[in-house]
Every structure is written in structure tokens, then in C-alpha cells.
Amino acid sequence: MSRAATITRNTKETQIAVRVDLDGGEVSVSTGIGFFDHMLTAFGFYAGIGLSVEAHGDLHVDGHHTVEDTGIVLGQALREALGDRKGIRRFGSAYVPMDEALTFTALDFSNRPYLVFDAEMPQERIGDYDSCLTLEFMRAVAFNAGITLPQKCFYGVNAHHITEGIFKSLGLAVKDAVRIEGTGVTSTKGVL
């Protein structure tokens, strides 16, 4: 059974194509925002998934539309690749230390989207990336994939380290949650 999906989204602001294979593969990312490429590559690597992201956006305005819309499409691809979610572990969590920063992600592929994001960014920009866009990306992923997603930075003084820890911990949590451990739906309700 294939656990892969390809989703495209074309608007007046962005053109985005994302392919996800939950059972592994290469990671290839091109968004036009160097730091965002670095974060998505880290996410795919630590999630242990195949990930292809090709995004073209109105970067002459800023990175907001590109980052948020990529989150929307990635979330939709994760949702489709999971199918009926039978057999998946469902829950995942991970702490990631990045130099002086300590971050945490917990998640539940519950089909009840929610985001709690508690990570202040000490610097407004990381290269060409606005630090505040991490929140927008995570919200878009959570609501389009159907994930309950709490994330926290316990401490840190460098926005690069904080953001990278958050993306890596998301990847590790996804790796745990999508692992096949049975045949039925992991819910006392019998459905997710």
C-alpha cells in the first residue's frame, strides 16, 4: 500500500508542488528562501520521509505567502499520504537541543487540528526568512494535516537555533507518529 501523495497549489501569489512518501526517499527542496529550504530539508531528513518541495512565490513582496502556502500544501500531502490512518502509532514527540536552545514538539494525527506555539524569537530575521513565519507555517501544516500540535522552546537566545530545533523536533515526532504498529485505527472511537 502506497503511503505517498503529491499535491499542487497555484494562486496569484504562489505555485507550489509537494510530494511526500512516508516510507522514505530523497529530500529535495527549493522555495527561493535559503533558510526555509534548510528547515524543510532538516524536517524531511529527521522525519525519515521522502520529500520534494518546489515553490515559487511573490518574494518581491516578502516570504509570507511562500512559507504559509508551503505549509498548507505539505499538510494536505501528509493528510492524503496517511489515508485512513489505520495502523499508525498516531502520537509522537521529541526534544531537540540546538546549542543554547531547547525545543519540544508533541503531536497527534487526530484529525482534530490545533496548534499551541510557544517559542519567542529573539531576532526578527534569519537571513531572508522572517522569524515570525515559523508560527504561520506550523499553523498551516497542523490545520491542513489534521494534527494536534503543541510546540515549545524552553530557552534560547538565537532565533536560528530555536527555529531549527522546532523543525527537527517536528520531523522526529512525525517519524514516530506515522510508524505502522498495527492494523486498526489507534483510537477507542474506532476512527480518526
N, C-alpha and C. Protein backbone atom coordinates (compact mmCIF):
# COMPACT_ATOMS: atom_id res chain seq x y z
N MET A 1 0.84 -1.19 0.00
CA MET A 1 0.00 0.00 0.00
C MET A 1 0.88 1.24 0.00
N SER A 2 0.66 2.11 -0.94
CA SER A 2 1.45 3.33 -1.04
C SER A 2 1.04 4.35 0.02
N ARG A 3 2.04 4.92 0.66
CA ARG A 3 1.78 6.00 1.61
C ARG A 3 2.45 7.26 1.09
N ALA A 4 2.09 7.61 -0.13
CA ALA A 4 2.67 8.76 -0.80
C ALA A 4 1.57 9.63 -1.37
N ALA A 5 1.88 10.91 -1.54
CA ALA A 5 0.91 11.83 -2.12
C ALA A 5 1.65 13.00 -2.77
N THR A 6 1.06 13.51 -3.83
CA THR A 6 1.56 14.72 -4.49
C THR A 6 0.41 15.72 -4.54
N ILE A 7 0.68 16.92 -4.06
CA ILE A 7 -0.33 17.98 -4.03
C ILE A 7 0.27 19.23 -4.67
N THR A 8 -0.54 19.90 -5.49
CA THR A 8 -0.11 21.18 -6.06
C THR A 8 -1.13 22.25 -5.68
N ARG A 9 -0.65 23.48 -5.62
CA ARG A 9 -1.49 24.63 -5.31
C ARG A 9 -0.97 25.80 -6.14
N ASN A 10 -1.86 26.38 -6.94
CA ASN A 10 -1.49 27.51 -7.77
C ASN A 10 -2.44 28.67 -7.49
N THR A 11 -1.88 29.79 -7.04
CA THR A 11 -2.64 31.00 -6.80
C THR A 11 -1.95 32.16 -7.51
N LYS A 12 -2.49 33.34 -7.38
CA LYS A 12 -1.85 34.53 -7.95
C LYS A 12 -0.58 34.89 -7.19
N GLU A 13 -0.39 34.31 -6.00
CA GLU A 13 0.77 34.62 -5.17
C GLU A 13 1.83 33.53 -5.17
N THR A 14 1.41 32.28 -5.32
CA THR A 14 2.36 31.16 -5.24
C THR A 14 1.99 30.03 -6.18
N GLN A 15 3.01 29.26 -6.58
CA GLN A 15 2.83 28.00 -7.30
C GLN A 15 3.67 26.98 -6.54
N ILE A 16 3.01 25.98 -5.97
CA ILE A 16 3.69 25.05 -5.07
C ILE A 16 3.34 23.62 -5.42
N ALA A 17 4.34 22.75 -5.43
CA ALA A 17 4.15 21.31 -5.61
C ALA A 17 4.92 20.59 -4.50
N VAL A 18 4.24 19.70 -3.80
CA VAL A 18 4.85 18.93 -2.72
C VAL A 18 4.54 17.46 -2.94
N ARG A 19 5.57 16.64 -2.82
CA ARG A 19 5.40 15.19 -2.82
C ARG A 19 5.95 14.64 -1.51
N VAL A 20 5.16 13.80 -0.88
CA VAL A 20 5.54 13.17 0.39
C VAL A 20 5.45 11.67 0.22
N ASP A 21 6.47 10.94 0.69
CA ASP A 21 6.42 9.49 0.77
C ASP A 21 6.78 9.12 2.20
N LEU A 22 5.80 8.68 2.97
CA LEU A 22 6.00 8.40 4.39
C LEU A 22 6.95 7.24 4.64
N ASP A 23 7.22 6.44 3.61
CA ASP A 23 8.09 5.28 3.78
C ASP A 23 9.52 5.54 3.33
N GLY A 24 9.85 6.81 3.05
CA GLY A 24 11.24 7.16 2.77
C GLY A 24 11.48 7.63 1.36
N GLY A 25 12.70 8.07 1.14
CA GLY A 25 13.10 8.57 -0.17
C GLY A 25 13.98 9.79 -0.03
N GLU A 26 14.31 10.38 -1.16
CA GLU A 26 15.17 11.55 -1.17
C GLU A 26 14.42 12.78 -0.68
N VAL A 27 15.21 13.77 -0.24
CA VAL A 27 14.67 15.06 0.16
C VAL A 27 15.23 16.11 -0.78
N SER A 28 14.34 16.84 -1.43
CA SER A 28 14.72 17.89 -2.38
C SER A 28 13.81 19.09 -2.17
N VAL A 29 14.40 20.25 -1.87
CA VAL A 29 13.61 21.43 -1.51
C VAL A 29 14.13 22.65 -2.24
N SER A 30 13.22 23.41 -2.85
CA SER A 30 13.57 24.68 -3.48
C SER A 30 12.39 25.64 -3.33
N THR A 31 12.55 26.66 -2.47
CA THR A 31 11.49 27.64 -2.24
C THR A 31 11.90 29.07 -2.58
N GLY A 32 13.18 29.28 -2.83
CA GLY A 32 13.66 30.64 -3.05
C GLY A 32 14.05 31.36 -1.77
N ILE A 33 13.83 30.71 -0.62
CA ILE A 33 14.21 31.28 0.68
C ILE A 33 15.20 30.29 1.30
N GLY A 34 16.47 30.66 1.30
CA GLY A 34 17.53 29.74 1.70
C GLY A 34 17.33 29.10 3.06
N PHE A 35 17.01 29.90 4.06
CA PHE A 35 16.85 29.35 5.41
C PHE A 35 15.65 28.41 5.48
N PHE A 36 14.56 28.75 4.78
CA PHE A 36 13.38 27.89 4.76
C PHE A 36 13.71 26.56 4.09
N ASP A 37 14.49 26.59 3.01
CA ASP A 37 14.95 25.35 2.37
C ASP A 37 15.70 24.49 3.37
N HIS A 38 16.58 25.13 4.14
CA HIS A 38 17.37 24.42 5.16
C HIS A 38 16.45 23.76 6.20
N MET A 39 15.41 24.47 6.62
CA MET A 39 14.49 23.94 7.63
C MET A 39 13.66 22.79 7.08
N LEU A 40 13.14 22.92 5.87
CA LEU A 40 12.35 21.84 5.28
C LEU A 40 13.20 20.60 5.02
N THR A 41 14.45 20.81 4.62
CA THR A 41 15.37 19.69 4.41
C THR A 41 15.61 18.97 5.73
N ALA A 42 15.83 19.73 6.80
CA ALA A 42 16.02 19.13 8.12
C ALA A 42 14.77 18.37 8.55
N PHE A 43 13.60 18.97 8.34
CA PHE A 43 12.35 18.29 8.68
C PHE A 43 12.24 16.95 7.96
N GLY A 44 12.42 16.95 6.65
CA GLY A 44 12.30 15.72 5.86
C GLY A 44 13.30 14.66 6.29
N PHE A 45 14.53 15.09 6.54
CA PHE A 45 15.58 14.16 6.96
C PHE A 45 15.23 13.50 8.29
N TYR A 46 14.86 14.30 9.27
CA TYR A 46 14.60 13.74 10.60
C TYR A 46 13.27 13.00 10.67
N ALA A 47 12.35 13.32 9.77
CA ALA A 47 11.10 12.56 9.69
C ALA A 47 11.31 11.21 9.00
N GLY A 48 12.41 11.09 8.26
CA GLY A 48 12.68 9.84 7.55
C GLY A 48 11.75 9.62 6.37
N ILE A 49 11.25 10.71 5.81
CA ILE A 49 10.31 10.62 4.69
C ILE A 49 10.96 11.06 3.39
N GLY A 50 10.37 10.65 2.28
CA GLY A 50 10.71 11.24 1.01
C GLY A 50 9.96 12.56 0.90
N LEU A 51 10.65 13.61 0.53
CA LEU A 51 10.02 14.93 0.47
C LEU A 51 10.56 15.71 -0.71
N SER A 52 9.66 16.18 -1.55
CA SER A 52 10.01 17.06 -2.65
C SER A 52 9.15 18.32 -2.54
N VAL A 53 9.80 19.48 -2.49
CA VAL A 53 9.08 20.75 -2.41
C VAL A 53 9.63 21.67 -3.48
N GLU A 54 8.75 22.14 -4.36
CA GLU A 54 9.10 23.12 -5.38
C GLU A 54 8.12 24.27 -5.24
N ALA A 55 8.63 25.42 -4.79
CA ALA A 55 7.74 26.56 -4.53
C ALA A 55 8.27 27.80 -5.21
N HIS A 56 7.37 28.51 -5.87
CA HIS A 56 7.67 29.81 -6.46
C HIS A 56 6.63 30.78 -5.92
N GLY A 57 7.11 31.85 -5.29
CA GLY A 57 6.17 32.80 -4.70
C GLY A 57 6.57 34.23 -4.95
N ASP A 58 5.73 35.12 -4.48
CA ASP A 58 5.94 36.56 -4.67
C ASP A 58 6.94 37.10 -3.64
N LEU A 59 8.18 36.63 -3.77
CA LEU A 59 9.22 37.02 -2.82
C LEU A 59 9.59 38.49 -2.91
N HIS A 60 9.19 39.16 -4.00
CA HIS A 60 9.41 40.61 -4.08
C HIS A 60 8.54 41.34 -3.05
N VAL A 61 7.47 40.69 -2.57
CA VAL A 61 6.63 41.24 -1.50
C VAL A 61 7.29 40.90 -0.17
N ASP A 62 7.34 39.63 0.15
CA ASP A 62 8.07 39.06 1.28
C ASP A 62 7.88 37.55 1.22
N GLY A 63 8.32 36.84 2.25
CA GLY A 63 8.25 35.39 2.22
C GLY A 63 6.97 34.80 2.76
N HIS A 64 6.06 35.63 3.25
CA HIS A 64 4.89 35.12 3.97
C HIS A 64 4.05 34.15 3.14
N HIS A 65 3.66 34.56 1.94
CA HIS A 65 2.79 33.71 1.13
C HIS A 65 3.48 32.38 0.78
N THR A 66 4.77 32.44 0.47
CA THR A 66 5.50 31.23 0.10
C THR A 66 5.55 30.26 1.29
N VAL A 67 5.89 30.77 2.47
CA VAL A 67 6.03 29.90 3.64
C VAL A 67 4.68 29.34 4.07
N GLU A 68 3.67 30.20 4.18
CA GLU A 68 2.36 29.72 4.62
C GLU A 68 1.75 28.75 3.63
N ASP A 69 1.81 29.06 2.33
CA ASP A 69 1.22 28.18 1.33
C ASP A 69 1.96 26.85 1.23
N THR A 70 3.27 26.86 1.46
CA THR A 70 4.02 25.61 1.50
C THR A 70 3.53 24.76 2.68
N GLY A 71 3.26 25.39 3.81
CA GLY A 71 2.69 24.67 4.95
C GLY A 71 1.34 24.08 4.64
N ILE A 72 0.51 24.82 3.93
CA ILE A 72 -0.81 24.32 3.53
C ILE A 72 -0.67 23.06 2.68
N VAL A 73 0.19 23.14 1.66
CA VAL A 73 0.34 22.02 0.72
C VAL A 73 1.02 20.83 1.40
N LEU A 74 2.03 21.08 2.23
CA LEU A 74 2.67 19.98 2.96
C LEU A 74 1.66 19.29 3.87
N GLY A 75 0.84 20.07 4.56
CA GLY A 75 -0.19 19.48 5.42
C GLY A 75 -1.17 18.63 4.63
N GLN A 76 -1.60 19.12 3.47
CA GLN A 76 -2.53 18.35 2.64
C GLN A 76 -1.88 17.07 2.13
N ALA A 77 -0.60 17.13 1.80
CA ALA A 77 0.10 15.94 1.32
C ALA A 77 0.25 14.91 2.45
N LEU A 78 0.55 15.36 3.66
CA LEU A 78 0.63 14.44 4.79
C LEU A 78 -0.72 13.77 5.03
N ARG A 79 -1.78 14.57 4.99
CA ARG A 79 -3.13 14.02 5.21
C ARG A 79 -3.46 12.95 4.17
N GLU A 80 -3.20 13.24 2.90
CA GLU A 80 -3.52 12.28 1.84
C GLU A 80 -2.66 11.03 1.93
N ALA A 81 -1.37 11.21 2.24
CA ALA A 81 -0.46 10.06 2.32
C ALA A 81 -0.85 9.13 3.47
N LEU A 82 -1.44 9.67 4.52
CA LEU A 82 -1.85 8.84 5.66
C LEU A 82 -3.12 8.04 5.38
N GLY A 83 -3.89 8.46 4.40
CA GLY A 83 -5.12 7.74 4.05
C GLY A 83 -6.06 7.64 5.24
N ASP A 84 -6.51 6.43 5.56
CA ASP A 84 -7.45 6.24 6.67
C ASP A 84 -6.76 6.16 8.03
N ARG A 85 -5.43 6.28 8.03
CA ARG A 85 -4.61 6.31 9.25
C ARG A 85 -4.59 4.99 10.00
N LYS A 86 -5.06 3.91 9.38
CA LYS A 86 -5.05 2.60 10.04
C LYS A 86 -3.62 2.14 10.28
N GLY A 87 -3.39 1.65 11.49
CA GLY A 87 -2.11 1.06 11.84
C GLY A 87 -1.05 2.02 12.33
N ILE A 88 -1.24 3.33 12.13
CA ILE A 88 -0.19 4.25 12.55
C ILE A 88 -0.15 4.39 14.07
N ARG A 89 1.02 4.68 14.58
CA ARG A 89 1.20 4.90 16.01
C ARG A 89 0.35 6.07 16.47
N ARG A 90 0.23 7.10 15.63
CA ARG A 90 -0.62 8.27 15.82
C ARG A 90 0.05 9.38 16.62
N PHE A 91 0.72 9.06 17.71
CA PHE A 91 1.35 10.07 18.57
C PHE A 91 2.86 10.07 18.36
N GLY A 92 3.47 11.24 18.55
CA GLY A 92 4.92 11.35 18.51
C GLY A 92 5.36 12.57 19.28
N SER A 93 6.58 12.52 19.78
CA SER A 93 7.12 13.69 20.49
C SER A 93 8.64 13.62 20.47
N ALA A 94 9.27 14.79 20.61
CA ALA A 94 10.73 14.83 20.62
C ALA A 94 11.22 16.15 21.21
N TYR A 95 12.26 16.04 22.01
CA TYR A 95 13.04 17.19 22.45
C TYR A 95 14.24 17.30 21.53
N VAL A 96 14.61 18.54 21.17
CA VAL A 96 15.84 18.74 20.41
C VAL A 96 16.61 19.91 21.02
N PRO A 97 17.85 19.64 21.47
CA PRO A 97 18.73 20.72 21.88
C PRO A 97 19.51 21.23 20.66
N MET A 98 19.57 22.53 20.51
CA MET A 98 20.40 23.15 19.46
C MET A 98 21.26 24.20 20.14
N ASP A 99 22.48 23.86 20.42
CA ASP A 99 23.39 24.75 21.13
C ASP A 99 22.74 25.24 22.42
N GLU A 100 22.46 26.54 22.53
CA GLU A 100 21.90 27.08 23.77
C GLU A 100 20.39 26.92 23.88
N ALA A 101 19.75 26.44 22.83
CA ALA A 101 18.28 26.36 22.80
C ALA A 101 17.81 24.93 23.06
N LEU A 102 16.65 24.81 23.69
CA LEU A 102 16.00 23.51 23.89
C LEU A 102 14.56 23.63 23.43
N THR A 103 14.18 22.79 22.46
CA THR A 103 12.84 22.83 21.88
C THR A 103 12.14 21.49 22.03
N PHE A 104 10.82 21.52 21.88
CA PHE A 104 10.00 20.32 22.05
C PHE A 104 8.80 20.38 21.11
N THR A 105 8.48 19.24 20.53
CA THR A 105 7.25 19.07 19.75
C THR A 105 6.56 17.79 20.20
N ALA A 106 5.26 17.88 20.41
CA ALA A 106 4.41 16.70 20.57
C ALA A 106 3.34 16.80 19.50
N LEU A 107 2.87 15.67 19.01
CA LEU A 107 1.80 15.75 18.01
C LEU A 107 0.93 14.51 18.06
N ASP A 108 -0.26 14.71 17.52
CA ASP A 108 -1.26 13.65 17.43
C ASP A 108 -1.94 13.80 16.07
N PHE A 109 -1.82 12.78 15.23
CA PHE A 109 -2.54 12.78 13.94
C PHE A 109 -3.99 12.41 14.22
N SER A 110 -4.68 13.28 14.91
CA SER A 110 -6.01 13.03 15.48
C SER A 110 -7.16 13.38 14.55
N ASN A 111 -6.87 14.13 13.48
CA ASN A 111 -7.92 14.73 12.64
C ASN A 111 -8.67 15.82 13.39
N ARG A 112 -8.10 16.29 14.50
CA ARG A 112 -8.63 17.42 15.25
C ARG A 112 -7.52 18.47 15.32
N PRO A 113 -7.41 19.32 14.29
CA PRO A 113 -6.28 20.24 14.22
C PRO A 113 -6.29 21.30 15.32
N TYR A 114 -5.11 21.51 15.87
CA TYR A 114 -4.93 22.55 16.88
C TYR A 114 -3.44 22.84 16.97
N LEU A 115 -3.09 24.09 17.21
CA LEU A 115 -1.69 24.47 17.37
C LEU A 115 -1.54 25.28 18.64
N VAL A 116 -0.57 24.88 19.47
CA VAL A 116 -0.10 25.71 20.57
C VAL A 116 1.38 25.93 20.29
N PHE A 117 1.74 27.17 20.03
CA PHE A 117 3.12 27.51 19.64
C PHE A 117 3.67 28.49 20.66
N ASP A 118 4.63 28.03 21.44
CA ASP A 118 5.22 28.85 22.50
C ASP A 118 6.72 28.94 22.27
N ALA A 119 7.11 29.82 21.37
CA ALA A 119 8.53 29.98 21.04
C ALA A 119 8.78 31.42 20.59
N GLU A 120 9.29 32.21 21.48
CA GLU A 120 9.62 33.59 21.14
C GLU A 120 10.92 33.61 20.34
N MET A 121 10.95 34.49 19.36
CA MET A 121 12.12 34.61 18.51
C MET A 121 12.88 35.89 18.86
N PRO A 122 14.09 35.76 19.38
CA PRO A 122 14.86 36.94 19.80
C PRO A 122 15.26 37.86 18.65
N GLN A 123 15.44 37.32 17.45
CA GLN A 123 15.78 38.13 16.28
C GLN A 123 14.63 38.06 15.28
N GLU A 124 14.37 39.18 14.60
CA GLU A 124 13.25 39.24 13.66
C GLU A 124 13.51 38.49 12.36
N ARG A 125 14.78 38.40 11.97
CA ARG A 125 15.10 37.77 10.69
C ARG A 125 16.24 36.77 10.84
N ILE A 126 16.16 35.73 10.01
CA ILE A 126 17.23 34.75 9.87
C ILE A 126 17.54 34.70 8.38
N GLY A 127 18.56 35.40 7.96
CA GLY A 127 18.81 35.55 6.53
C GLY A 127 17.65 36.26 5.87
N ASP A 128 17.07 35.64 4.84
CA ASP A 128 15.91 36.21 4.13
C ASP A 128 14.59 35.72 4.70
N TYR A 129 14.61 35.12 5.86
CA TYR A 129 13.44 34.49 6.47
C TYR A 129 13.00 35.30 7.68
N ASP A 130 11.72 35.68 7.71
CA ASP A 130 11.16 36.38 8.87
C ASP A 130 10.86 35.34 9.95
N SER A 131 11.42 35.51 11.12
CA SER A 131 11.29 34.53 12.20
C SER A 131 9.84 34.22 12.55
N CYS A 132 8.97 35.22 12.42
CA CYS A 132 7.55 35.03 12.77
C CYS A 132 6.85 34.04 11.84
N LEU A 133 7.46 33.72 10.70
CA LEU A 133 6.82 32.83 9.73
C LEU A 133 6.80 31.37 10.18
N THR A 134 7.62 31.03 11.17
CA THR A 134 7.59 29.65 11.67
C THR A 134 6.22 29.34 12.26
N LEU A 135 5.67 30.27 12.99
CA LEU A 135 4.31 30.11 13.54
C LEU A 135 3.30 29.92 12.42
N GLU A 136 3.38 30.74 11.38
CA GLU A 136 2.43 30.64 10.26
C GLU A 136 2.54 29.29 9.56
N PHE A 137 3.77 28.83 9.37
CA PHE A 137 3.99 27.54 8.72
C PHE A 137 3.40 26.40 9.55
N MET A 138 3.71 26.40 10.85
CA MET A 138 3.23 25.32 11.71
C MET A 138 1.71 25.29 11.79
N ARG A 139 1.09 26.46 11.85
CA ARG A 139 -0.37 26.52 11.86
C ARG A 139 -0.94 25.93 10.58
N ALA A 140 -0.35 26.29 9.44
CA ALA A 140 -0.84 25.79 8.15
C ALA A 140 -0.69 24.27 8.06
N VAL A 141 0.45 23.74 8.51
CA VAL A 141 0.65 22.29 8.49
C VAL A 141 -0.38 21.60 9.39
N ALA A 142 -0.50 22.08 10.63
CA ALA A 142 -1.38 21.43 11.60
C ALA A 142 -2.82 21.38 11.10
N PHE A 143 -3.32 22.50 10.59
CA PHE A 143 -4.73 22.57 10.22
C PHE A 143 -5.02 21.83 8.92
N ASN A 144 -4.04 21.72 8.04
CA ASN A 144 -4.27 21.01 6.78
C ASN A 144 -3.97 19.52 6.87
N ALA A 145 -3.14 19.11 7.82
CA ALA A 145 -2.86 17.69 8.00
C ALA A 145 -3.79 17.05 9.03
N GLY A 146 -4.48 17.88 9.83
CA GLY A 146 -5.32 17.34 10.89
C GLY A 146 -4.51 16.89 12.08
N ILE A 147 -3.57 17.73 12.49
CA ILE A 147 -2.66 17.40 13.59
C ILE A 147 -2.95 18.29 14.80
N THR A 148 -2.99 17.69 15.98
CA THR A 148 -2.92 18.45 17.22
C THR A 148 -1.43 18.64 17.49
N LEU A 149 -0.99 19.91 17.57
CA LEU A 149 0.45 20.20 17.54
C LEU A 149 0.87 21.22 18.59
N PRO A 150 1.31 20.78 19.76
CA PRO A 150 1.94 21.70 20.71
C PRO A 150 3.46 21.75 20.48
N GLN A 151 4.00 22.96 20.44
CA GLN A 151 5.45 23.15 20.28
C GLN A 151 5.93 24.20 21.27
N LYS A 152 7.14 23.99 21.79
CA LYS A 152 7.65 24.91 22.80
C LYS A 152 9.17 25.04 22.69
N CYS A 153 9.64 26.26 22.94
CA CYS A 153 11.05 26.49 23.18
C CYS A 153 11.20 26.82 24.66
N PHE A 154 11.93 25.99 25.37
CA PHE A 154 12.11 26.20 26.81
C PHE A 154 13.07 27.35 27.09
N TYR A 155 14.13 27.45 26.28
CA TYR A 155 15.04 28.57 26.40
C TYR A 155 15.91 28.62 25.15
N GLY A 156 16.48 29.79 24.91
CA GLY A 156 17.33 30.00 23.75
C GLY A 156 17.45 31.49 23.46
N VAL A 157 18.57 31.88 22.87
CA VAL A 157 18.79 33.30 22.57
C VAL A 157 19.05 33.55 21.09
N ASN A 158 19.09 32.49 20.29
CA ASN A 158 19.38 32.62 18.87
C ASN A 158 18.21 32.07 18.06
N ALA A 159 17.57 32.93 17.29
CA ALA A 159 16.38 32.52 16.53
C ALA A 159 16.67 31.39 15.55
N HIS A 160 17.88 31.37 14.99
CA HIS A 160 18.25 30.27 14.08
C HIS A 160 18.21 28.94 14.83
N HIS A 161 18.83 28.89 16.00
CA HIS A 161 18.86 27.65 16.76
C HIS A 161 17.46 27.23 17.22
N ILE A 162 16.67 28.19 17.66
CA ILE A 162 15.31 27.90 18.12
C ILE A 162 14.47 27.32 16.98
N THR A 163 14.50 27.99 15.84
CA THR A 163 13.71 27.55 14.69
C THR A 163 14.16 26.19 14.19
N GLU A 164 15.47 25.99 14.11
CA GLU A 164 15.97 24.70 13.63
C GLU A 164 15.58 23.58 14.59
N GLY A 165 15.65 23.84 15.89
CA GLY A 165 15.22 22.84 16.86
C GLY A 165 13.76 22.49 16.72
N ILE A 166 12.93 23.49 16.43
CA ILE A 166 11.49 23.25 16.27
C ILE A 166 11.22 22.39 15.03
N PHE A 167 11.87 22.70 13.91
CA PHE A 167 11.68 21.92 12.69
C PHE A 167 12.19 20.49 12.86
N LYS A 168 13.36 20.33 13.49
CA LYS A 168 13.90 18.98 13.69
C LYS A 168 13.02 18.17 14.64
N SER A 169 12.53 18.80 15.70
CA SER A 169 11.66 18.07 16.63
C SER A 169 10.35 17.69 15.97
N LEU A 170 9.84 18.55 15.07
CA LEU A 170 8.65 18.18 14.29
C LEU A 170 8.94 16.94 13.45
N GLY A 171 10.08 16.92 12.78
CA GLY A 171 10.43 15.76 11.97
C GLY A 171 10.50 14.48 12.78
N LEU A 172 11.17 14.53 13.92
CA LEU A 172 11.30 13.35 14.77
C LEU A 172 9.95 12.87 15.28
N ALA A 173 9.07 13.82 15.64
CA ALA A 173 7.74 13.46 16.13
C ALA A 173 6.90 12.83 15.01
N VAL A 174 6.99 13.38 13.80
CA VAL A 174 6.27 12.80 12.67
C VAL A 174 6.77 11.37 12.40
N LYS A 175 8.08 11.17 12.47
CA LYS A 175 8.65 9.83 12.24
C LYS A 175 8.04 8.80 13.18
N ASP A 176 7.91 9.16 14.46
CA ASP A 176 7.29 8.27 15.43
C ASP A 176 5.81 8.04 15.13
N ALA A 177 5.10 9.12 14.84
CA ALA A 177 3.64 9.06 14.74
C ALA A 177 3.15 8.29 13.52
N VAL A 178 3.89 8.33 12.41
CA VAL A 178 3.41 7.67 11.18
C VAL A 178 3.88 6.22 11.08
N ARG A 179 4.67 5.78 12.04
CA ARG A 179 5.16 4.40 12.05
C ARG A 179 3.99 3.42 12.16
N ILE A 180 4.01 2.38 11.35
CA ILE A 180 2.96 1.36 11.39
C ILE A 180 3.23 0.41 12.55
N GLU A 181 2.25 0.29 13.44
CA GLU A 181 2.39 -0.59 14.60
C GLU A 181 1.26 -1.62 14.70
N GLY A 182 0.27 -1.50 13.88
CA GLY A 182 -0.86 -2.43 13.96
C GLY A 182 -1.64 -2.42 12.66
N THR A 183 -2.89 -2.86 12.76
CA THR A 183 -3.74 -2.91 11.57
C THR A 183 -4.98 -2.04 11.70
N GLY A 184 -5.36 -1.74 12.92
CA GLY A 184 -6.57 -0.95 13.13
C GLY A 184 -6.24 0.52 13.41
N VAL A 185 -7.28 1.28 13.59
CA VAL A 185 -7.13 2.70 13.92
C VAL A 185 -6.81 2.83 15.40
N THR A 186 -5.81 3.62 15.72
CA THR A 186 -5.39 3.82 17.10
C THR A 186 -6.32 4.84 17.78
N SER A 187 -7.50 4.36 18.13
CA SER A 187 -8.49 5.21 18.79
C SER A 187 -9.57 4.33 19.41
N THR A 188 -9.99 4.66 20.61
CA THR A 188 -11.11 3.94 21.23
C THR A 188 -12.41 4.19 20.49
N LYS A 189 -12.46 5.27 19.69
CA LYS A 189 -13.63 5.56 18.87
C LYS A 189 -13.72 4.66 17.63
N GLY A 190 -12.55 4.13 17.23
CA GLY A 190 -12.51 3.29 16.04
C GLY A 190 -12.32 4.07 14.76
N VAL A 191 -12.17 5.39 14.86
CA VAL A 191 -11.99 6.24 13.68
C VAL A 191 -11.22 7.47 14.08
N LEU A 192 -10.41 7.96 13.13
CA LEU A 192 -9.71 9.24 13.33
C LEU A 192 -10.20 10.24 12.30
